[in-house]
PDB file of N, CA and C in Angstrom:
ATOM      1  N   MET A   1       0.815  -1.191   0.000  1.00  0.00           N
ATOM      2  CA  MET A   1       0.000   0.000   0.000  1.00  0.00           C
ATOM      3  C   MET A   1       0.855   1.250   0.000  1.00  0.00           C
ATOM      4  N   ASN A   2       1.984   1.184   0.709  1.00  0.00           N
ATOM      5  CA  ASN A   2       2.884   2.324   0.789  1.00  0.00           C
ATOM      6  C   ASN A   2       3.461   2.668  -0.588  1.00  0.00           C
ATOM      7  N   GLN A   3       3.821   1.660  -1.382  1.00  0.00           N
ATOM      8  CA  GLN A   3       4.357   1.865  -2.735  1.00  0.00           C
ATOM      9  C   GLN A   3       3.293   2.491  -3.639  1.00  0.00           C
ATOM     10  N   GLN A   4       2.040   2.087  -3.470  1.00  0.00           N
ATOM     11  CA  GLN A   4       0.958   2.646  -4.279  1.00  0.00           C
ATOM     12  C   GLN A   4       0.761   4.123  -3.959  1.00  0.00           C
ATOM     13  N   ASN A   5       0.823   4.466  -2.692  1.00  0.00           N
ATOM     14  CA  ASN A   5       0.688   5.876  -2.301  1.00  0.00           C
ATOM     15  C   ASN A   5       1.833   6.711  -2.869  1.00  0.00           C
ATOM     16  N   PHE A   6       3.040   6.140  -2.843  1.00  0.00           N
ATOM     17  CA  PHE A   6       4.201   6.827  -3.387  1.00  0.00           C
ATOM     18  C   PHE A   6       4.039   7.058  -4.890  1.00  0.00           C
ATOM     19  N   ASN A   7       3.610   6.013  -5.610  1.00  0.00           N
ATOM     20  CA  ASN A   7       3.398   6.118  -7.058  1.00  0.00           C
ATOM     21  C   ASN A   7       2.296   7.120  -7.373  1.00  0.00           C
ATOM     22  N   ALA A   8       1.236   7.105  -6.585  1.00  0.00           N
ATOM     23  CA  ALA A   8       0.135   8.043  -6.792  1.00  0.00           C
ATOM     24  C   ALA A   8       0.607   9.473  -6.542  1.00  0.00           C
ATOM     25  N   GLY A   9       1.444   9.641  -5.554  1.00  0.00           N
ATOM     26  CA  GLY A   9       1.985  10.967  -5.258  1.00  0.00           C
ATOM     27  C   GLY A   9       2.876  11.465  -6.386  1.00  0.00           C
ATOM     28  N   GLN A  10       3.683  10.582  -6.939  1.00  0.00           N
ATOM     29  CA  GLN A  10       4.529  10.966  -8.071  1.00  0.00           C
ATOM     30  C   GLN A  10       3.684  11.336  -9.287  1.00  0.00           C
ATOM     31  N   ALA A  11       2.656  10.570  -9.535  1.00  0.00           N
ATOM     32  CA  ALA A  11       1.773  10.842 -10.666  1.00  0.00           C
ATOM     33  C   ALA A  11       1.076  12.197 -10.481  1.00  0.00           C
ATOM     34  N   GLN A  12       0.659  12.461  -9.260  1.00  0.00           N
ATOM     35  CA  GLN A  12       0.004  13.743  -8.957  1.00  0.00           C
ATOM     36  C   GLN A  12       0.987  14.905  -9.172  1.00  0.00           C
ATOM     37  N   ALA A  13       2.203  14.725  -8.714  1.00  0.00           N
ATOM     38  CA  ALA A  13       3.211  15.773  -8.872  1.00  0.00           C
ATOM     39  C   ALA A  13       3.503  16.025 -10.356  1.00  0.00           C
ATOM     40  N   ARG A  14       3.608  14.962 -11.138  1.00  0.00           N
ATOM     41  CA  ARG A  14       3.846  15.109 -12.580  1.00  0.00           C
ATOM     42  C   ARG A  14       2.670  15.826 -13.254  1.00  0.00           C
ATOM     43  N   ALA A  15       1.472  15.453 -12.845  1.00  0.00           N
ATOM     44  CA  ALA A  15       0.281  16.084 -13.419  1.00  0.00           C
ATOM     45  C   ALA A  15       0.259  17.578 -13.094  1.00  0.00           C
ATOM     46  N   GLU A  16       0.605  17.924 -11.853  1.00  0.00           N
ATOM     47  CA  GLU A  16       0.626  19.330 -11.461  1.00  0.00           C
ATOM     48  C   GLU A  16       1.721  20.091 -12.214  1.00  0.00           C
ATOM     49  N   ASP A  17       2.887  19.464 -12.387  1.00  0.00           N
ATOM     50  CA  ASP A  17       3.967  20.089 -13.147  1.00  0.00           C
ATOM     51  C   ASP A  17       3.554  20.313 -14.601  1.00  0.00           C
ATOM     52  N   SER A  18       2.903  19.314 -15.173  1.00  0.00           N
ATOM     53  CA  SER A  18       2.440  19.429 -16.558  1.00  0.00           C
ATOM     54  C   SER A  18       1.404  20.531 -16.687  1.00  0.00           C
ATOM     55  N   MET A  19       0.503  20.619 -15.716  1.00  0.00           N
ATOM     56  CA  MET A  19      -0.541  21.649 -15.739  1.00  0.00           C
ATOM     57  C   MET A  19       0.087  23.035 -15.624  1.00  0.00           C
ATOM     58  N   GLN A  20       1.066  23.183 -14.737  1.00  0.00           N
ATOM     59  CA  GLN A  20       1.735  24.471 -14.573  1.00  0.00           C
ATOM     60  C   GLN A  20       2.474  24.858 -15.851  1.00  0.00           C
ATOM     61  N   CYS A  21       3.142  23.904 -16.452  1.00  0.00           N
ATOM     62  CA  CYS A  21       3.854  24.147 -17.708  1.00  0.00           C
ATOM     63  C   CYS A  21       2.874  24.570 -18.805  1.00  0.00           C
ATOM     64  N   ALA A  22       1.739  23.917 -18.881  1.00  0.00           N
ATOM     65  CA  ALA A  22       0.725  24.251 -19.886  1.00  0.00           C
ATOM     66  C   ALA A  22       0.185  25.658 -19.657  1.00  0.00           C
ATOM     67  N   LYS A  23      -0.035  26.021 -18.390  1.00  0.00           N
ATOM     68  CA  LYS A  23      -0.525  27.368 -18.076  1.00  0.00           C
ATOM     69  C   LYS A  23       0.493  28.423 -18.482  1.00  0.00           C
ATOM     70  N   GLU A  24       1.765  28.163 -18.187  1.00  0.00           N
ATOM     71  CA  GLU A  24       2.808  29.118 -18.549  1.00  0.00           C
ATOM     72  C   GLU A  24       2.931  29.261 -20.060  1.00  0.00           C
ATOM     73  N   THR A  25       2.843  28.146 -20.769  1.00  0.00           N
ATOM     74  CA  THR A  25       2.921  28.179 -22.233  1.00  0.00           C
ATOM     75  C   THR A  25       1.743  28.947 -22.814  1.00  0.00           C
ATOM     76  N   ALA A  26       0.550  28.696 -22.295  1.00  0.00           N
ATOM     77  CA  ALA A  26      -0.644  29.402 -22.775  1.00  0.00           C
ATOM     78  C   ALA A  26      -0.538  30.894 -22.482  1.00  0.00           C
ATOM     79  N   SER A  27      -0.023  31.239 -21.313  1.00  0.00           N
ATOM     80  CA  SER A  27       0.128  32.641 -20.950  1.00  0.00           C
ATOM     81  C   SER A  27       1.136  33.331 -21.865  1.00  0.00           C
ATOM     82  N   ALA A  28       2.241  32.671 -22.140  1.00  0.00           N
ATOM     83  CA  ALA A  28       3.253  33.237 -23.038  1.00  0.00           C
ATOM     84  C   ALA A  28       2.684  33.413 -24.447  1.00  0.00           C
ATOM     85  N   ALA A  29       1.927  32.439 -24.905  1.00  0.00           N
ATOM     86  CA  ALA A  29       1.316  32.526 -26.242  1.00  0.00           C
ATOM     87  C   ALA A  29       0.314  33.681 -26.294  1.00  0.00           C
ATOM     88  N   ALA A  30      -0.457  33.846 -25.231  1.00  0.00           N
ATOM     89  CA  ALA A  30      -1.419  34.945 -25.179  1.00  0.00           C
ATOM     90  C   ALA A  30      -0.691  36.289 -25.191  1.00  0.00           C
ATOM     91  N   ASP A  31       0.405  36.383 -24.460  1.00  0.00           N
ATOM     92  CA  ASP A  31       1.186  37.623 -24.446  1.00  0.00           C
ATOM     93  C   ASP A  31       1.734  37.942 -25.835  1.00  0.00           C
ATOM     94  N   ARG A  32       2.251  36.924 -26.524  1.00  0.00           N
ATOM     95  CA  ARG A  32       2.776  37.145 -27.876  1.00  0.00           C
ATOM     96  C   ARG A  32       1.658  37.539 -28.838  1.00  0.00           C
ATOM     97  N   ALA A  33       0.506  36.920 -28.703  1.00  0.00           N
ATOM     98  CA  ALA A  33      -0.616  37.262 -29.575  1.00  0.00           C
ATOM     99  C   ALA A  33      -1.067  38.696 -29.327  1.00  0.00           C
ATOM    100  N   HIS A  34      -1.091  39.093 -28.075  1.00  0.00           N
ATOM    101  CA  HIS A  34      -1.486  40.463 -27.725  1.00  0.00           C
ATOM    102  C   HIS A  34      -0.492  41.467 -28.304  1.00  0.00           C
ATOM    103  N   ALA A  35       0.792  41.171 -28.168  1.00  0.00           N
ATOM    104  CA  ALA A  35       1.824  42.055 -28.712  1.00  0.00           C
ATOM    105  C   ALA A  35       1.723  42.135 -30.234  1.00  0.00           C
ATOM    106  N   ALA A  36       1.466  41.012 -30.871  1.00  0.00           N
ATOM    107  CA  ALA A  36       1.334  41.001 -32.333  1.00  0.00           C
ATOM    108  C   ALA A  36       0.115  41.814 -32.771  1.00  0.00           C
ATOM    109  N   ALA A  37      -0.970  41.693 -32.035  1.00  0.00           N
ATOM    110  CA  ALA A  37      -2.181  42.453 -32.365  1.00  0.00           C
ATOM    111  C   ALA A  37      -1.927  43.947 -32.224  1.00  0.00           C
ATOM    112  N   ASN A  38      -1.217  44.331 -31.175  1.00  0.00           N
ATOM    113  CA  ASN A  38      -0.906  45.748 -30.989  1.00  0.00           C
ATOM    114  C   ASN A  38      -0.014  46.266 -32.103  1.00  0.00           C
ATOM    115  N   THR A  39       0.978  45.488 -32.475  1.00  0.00           N
ATOM    116  CA  THR A  39       1.883  45.888 -33.556  1.00  0.00           C
ATOM    117  C   THR A  39       1.116  46.033 -34.862  1.00  0.00           C
ATOM    118  N   THR A  40       0.240  45.087 -35.132  1.00  0.00           N
ATOM    119  CA  THR A  40      -0.559  45.135 -36.358  1.00  0.00           C
ATOM    120  C   THR A  40      -1.463  46.360 -36.360  1.00  0.00           C
ATOM    121  N   GLY A  41      -2.083  46.634 -35.222  1.00  0.00           N
ATOM    122  CA  GLY A  41      -2.946  47.820 -35.125  1.00  0.00           C
ATOM    123  C   GLY A  41      -2.171  49.104 -35.322  1.00  0.00           C
ATOM    124  N   ASP A  42      -0.989  49.187 -34.736  1.00  0.00           N
ATOM    125  CA  ASP A  42      -0.156  50.379 -34.895  1.00  0.00           C
ATOM    126  C   ASP A  42       0.263  50.560 -36.343  1.00  0.00           C
ATOM    127  N   THR A  43       0.645  49.476 -36.991  1.00  0.00           N
ATOM    128  CA  THR A  43       1.065  49.535 -38.390  1.00  0.00           C
ATOM    129  C   THR A  43      -0.105  49.953 -39.282  1.00  0.00           C
ATOM    130  N   ALA A  44      -1.277  49.402 -39.009  1.00  0.00           N
ATOM    131  CA  ALA A  44      -2.457  49.761 -39.805  1.00  0.00           C
ATOM    132  C   ALA A  44      -2.778  51.239 -39.647  1.00  0.00           C
ATOM    133  N   GLN A  45      -2.683  51.762 -38.430  1.00  0.00           N
ATOM    134  CA  GLN A  45      -2.956  53.178 -38.202  1.00  0.00           C
ATOM    135  C   GLN A  45      -1.932  54.043 -38.922  1.00  0.00           C
ATOM    136  N   GLN A  46      -0.678  53.649 -38.873  1.00  0.00           N
ATOM    137  CA  GLN A  46       0.374  54.401 -39.555  1.00  0.00           C
ATOM    138  C   GLN A  46       0.131  54.406 -41.059  1.00  0.00           C
ATOM    139  N   ASN A  47      -0.225  53.244 -41.625  1.00  0.00           N
ATOM    140  CA  ASN A  47      -0.507  53.164 -43.058  1.00  0.00           C
ATOM    141  C   ASN A  47      -1.707  54.021 -43.422  1.00  0.00           C
ATOM    142  N   LYS A  48      -2.706  54.020 -42.565  1.00  0.00           N
ATOM    143  CA  LYS A  48      -3.902  54.833 -42.810  1.00  0.00           C
ATOM    144  C   LYS A  48      -3.533  56.318 -42.816  1.00  0.00           C
ATOM    145  N   ASP A  49      -2.719  56.724 -41.847  1.00  0.00           N
ATOM    146  CA  ASP A  49      -2.299  58.122 -41.779  1.00  0.00           C
ATOM    147  C   ASP A  49      -1.480  58.517 -43.005  1.00  0.00           C
ATOM    148  N   GLU A  50      -0.580  57.624 -43.423  1.00  0.00           N
ATOM    149  CA  GLU A  50       0.234  57.907 -44.610  1.00  0.00           C
ATOM    150  C   GLU A  50      -0.633  58.020 -45.860  1.00  0.00           C
ATOM    151  N   ALA A  51      -1.619  57.139 -45.979  1.00  0.00           N
ATOM    152  CA  ALA A  51      -2.513  57.179 -47.137  1.00  0.00           C
ATOM    153  C   ALA A  51      -3.325  58.473 -47.138  1.00  0.00           C
ATOM    154  N   ALA A  52      -3.786  58.882 -45.965  1.00  0.00           N
ATOM    155  CA  ALA A  52      -4.556  60.123 -45.880  1.00  0.00           C
ATOM    156  C   ALA A  52      -3.692  61.312 -46.295  1.00  0.00           C
ATOM    157  N   GLY A  53      -2.440  61.327 -45.847  1.00  0.00           N
ATOM    158  CA  GLY A  53      -1.527  62.407 -46.229  1.00  0.00           C
ATOM    159  C   GLY A  53      -1.268  62.420 -47.721  1.00  0.00           C
ATOM    160  N   PHE A  54      -1.095  61.237 -48.293  1.00  0.00           N
ATOM    161  CA  PHE A  54      -0.871  61.133 -49.737  1.00  0.00           C
ATOM    162  C   PHE A  54      -2.085  61.648 -50.504  1.00  0.00           C
ATOM    163  N   LEU A  55      -3.278  61.258 -50.071  1.00  0.00           N
ATOM    164  CA  LEU A  55      -4.492  61.701 -50.757  1.00  0.00           C
ATOM    165  C   LEU A  55      -4.678  63.209 -50.610  1.00  0.00           C
ATOM    166  N   GLN A  56      -4.360  63.751 -49.445  1.00  0.00           N
ATOM    167  CA  GLN A  56      -4.459  65.196 -49.243  1.00  0.00           C
ATOM    168  C   GLN A  56      -3.517  65.929 -50.192  1.00  0.00           C
ATOM    169  N   GLN A  57      -2.283  65.455 -50.289  1.00  0.00           N
ATOM    170  CA  GLN A  57      -1.290  66.074 -51.157  1.00  0.00           C
ATOM    171  C   GLN A  57      -1.720  65.973 -52.621  1.00  0.00           C
ATOM    172  N   THR A  58      -2.209  64.807 -53.018  1.00  0.00           N
ATOM    173  CA  THR A  58      -2.654  64.613 -54.398  1.00  0.00           C
ATOM    174  C   THR A  58      -3.838  65.530 -54.709  1.00  0.00           C
ATOM    175  N   GLY A  59      -4.749  65.651 -53.774  1.00  0.00           N
ATOM    176  CA  GLY A  59      -5.900  66.539 -53.959  1.00  0.00           C
ATOM    177  C   GLY A  59      -5.476  67.981 -54.155  1.00  0.00           C
ATOM    178  N   GLU A  60      -4.518  68.415 -53.372  1.00  0.00           N
ATOM    179  CA  GLU A  60      -4.012  69.781 -53.506  1.00  0.00           C
ATOM    180  C   GLU A  60      -3.358  69.984 -54.874  1.00  0.00           C
ATOM    181  N   GLN A  61      -2.618  68.991 -55.344  1.00  0.00           N
ATOM    182  CA  GLN A  61      -1.964  69.101 -56.656  1.00  0.00           C
ATOM    183  C   GLN A  61      -3.005  69.188 -57.770  1.00  0.00           C
ATOM    184  N   VAL A  62      -4.040  68.365 -57.684  1.00  0.00           N
ATOM    185  CA  VAL A  62      -5.103  68.392 -58.704  1.00  0.00           C
ATOM    186  C   VAL A  62      -5.812  69.744 -58.680  1.00  0.00           C
ATOM    187  N   LYS A  63      -6.075  70.256 -57.490  1.00  0.00           N
ATOM    188  CA  LYS A  63      -6.738  71.557 -57.355  1.00  0.00           C
ATOM    189  C   LYS A  63      -5.888  72.664 -57.982  1.00  0.00           C
ATOM    190  N   THR A  64      -4.596  72.624 -57.717  1.00  0.00           N
ATOM    191  CA  THR A  64      -3.683  73.632 -58.272  1.00  0.00           C
ATOM    192  C   THR A  64      -3.638  73.533 -59.794  1.00  0.00           C
ATOM    193  N   MET A  65      -3.583  72.317 -60.307  1.00  0.00           N
ATOM    194  CA  MET A  65      -3.554  72.125 -61.759  1.00  0.00           C
ATOM    195  C   MET A  65      -4.854  72.613 -62.397  1.00  0.00           C
ATOM    196  N   ALA A  66      -5.976  72.314 -61.765  1.00  0.00           N
ATOM    197  CA  ALA A  66      -7.262  72.744 -62.309  1.00  0.00           C
ATOM    198  C   ALA A  66      -7.358  74.268 -62.308  1.00  0.00           C
ATOM    199  N   GLN A  67      -6.900  74.903 -61.233  1.00  0.00           N
ATOM    200  CA  GLN A  67      -6.941  76.365 -61.177  1.00  0.00           C
ATOM    201  C   GLN A  67      -6.046  76.962 -62.257  1.00  0.00           C
ATOM    202  N   GLY A  68      -4.900  76.322 -62.487  1.00  0.00           N
ATOM    203  CA  GLY A  68      -4.009  76.784 -63.563  1.00  0.00           C
ATOM    204  C   GLY A  68      -4.683  76.662 -64.917  1.00  0.00           C
ATOM    205  N   ALA A  69      -5.414  75.593 -65.142  1.00  0.00           N
ATOM    206  CA  ALA A  69      -6.124  75.413 -66.417  1.00  0.00           C
ATOM    207  C   ALA A  69      -7.208  76.470 -66.577  1.00  0.00           C
ATOM    208  N   VAL A  70      -7.930  76.748 -65.514  1.00  0.00           N
ATOM    209  CA  VAL A  70      -8.976  77.777 -65.576  1.00  0.00           C
ATOM    210  C   VAL A  70      -8.355  79.137 -65.896  1.00  0.00           C
ATOM    211  N   ASP A  71      -7.257  79.463 -65.235  1.00  0.00           N
ATOM    212  CA  ASP A  71      -6.595  80.741 -65.480  1.00  0.00           C
ATOM    213  C   ASP A  71      -6.113  80.844 -66.922  1.00  0.00           C
ATOM    214  N   THR A  72      -5.586  79.723 -67.462  1.00  0.00           N
ATOM    215  CA  THR A  72      -5.105  79.712 -68.847  1.00  0.00           C
ATOM    216  C   THR A  72      -6.251  79.952 -69.825  1.00  0.00           C
ATOM    217  N   VAL A  73      -7.366  79.300 -69.609  1.00  0.00           N
ATOM    218  CA  VAL A  73      -8.534  79.481 -70.487  1.00  0.00           C
ATOM    219  C   VAL A  73      -9.039  80.913 -70.399  1.00  0.00           C
ATOM    220  N   LYS A  74      -9.127  81.457 -69.186  1.00  0.00           N
ATOM    221  CA  LYS A  74      -9.585  82.850 -69.031  1.00  0.00           C
ATOM    222  C   LYS A  74      -8.651  83.816 -69.761  1.00  0.00           C
ATOM    223  N   HIS A  75      -7.359  83.556 -69.636  1.00  0.00           N
ATOM    224  CA  HIS A  75      -6.385  84.425 -70.300  1.00  0.00           C
ATOM    225  C   HIS A  75      -6.528  84.316 -71.817  1.00  0.00           C
ATOM    226  N   THR A  76      -6.686  83.092 -72.309  1.00  0.00           N
ATOM    227  CA  THR A  76      -6.829  82.872 -73.745  1.00  0.00           C
ATOM    228  C   THR A  76      -8.063  83.579 -74.281  1.00  0.00           C
ATOM    229  N   LEU A  77      -9.145  83.582 -73.504  1.00  0.00           N
ATOM    230  CA  LEU A  77     -10.384  84.196 -73.955  1.00  0.00           C
ATOM    231  C   LEU A  77     -10.439  85.681 -73.602  1.00  0.00           C
ATOM    232  N   GLY A  78      -9.404  86.162 -72.950  1.00  0.00           N
ATOM    233  CA  GLY A  78      -9.374  87.575 -72.588  1.00  0.00           C
ATOM    234  C   GLY A  78     -10.262  87.901 -71.413  1.00  0.00           C
ATOM    235  N   MET A  79     -10.567  86.921 -70.597  1.00  0.00           N
ATOM    236  CA  MET A  79     -11.455  87.132 -69.471  1.00  0.00           C
ATOM    237  C   MET A  79     -10.700  87.361 -68.144  1.00  0.00           C
ATOM    238  N   ASP A  80      -9.383  87.329 -68.212  1.00  0.00           N
ATOM    239  CA  ASP A  80      -8.632  87.537 -66.974  1.00  0.00           C
ATOM    240  C   ASP A  80      -8.625  89.023 -66.639  1.00  0.00           C
ATOM    241  N   LYS A  81      -8.439  89.355 -65.393  1.00  0.00           N
ATOM    242  CA  LYS A  81      -8.542  90.743 -64.956  1.00  0.00           C
ATOM    243  C   LYS A  81      -7.171  91.334 -64.692  1.00  0.00           C
ATOM    244  N   LYS A  82      -6.198  90.973 -65.496  1.00  0.00           N
ATOM    245  CA  LYS A  82      -4.848  91.492 -65.287  1.00  0.00           C
ATOM    246  C   LYS A  82      -4.603  92.683 -66.122  1.00  0.00           C
TER     247      LYS A  82
END
């Protein structure tokens, strides 16, 4: 009976060690997933900001070009006030 109790105790200790190891592994994986999600979110926000800046700049260039075309047509037709 004493040997059975000893074996049962060893099995219990191994099970507890395995459970603790599994918890630590799961916790580490969750931490890495959280960090990856944050990095992805930060990168997406940065890309969004860069795209918005690019579109703003492009819009300004188109506006300037259109105004130049209007001024050229007015000048050609003698409608400019210079």
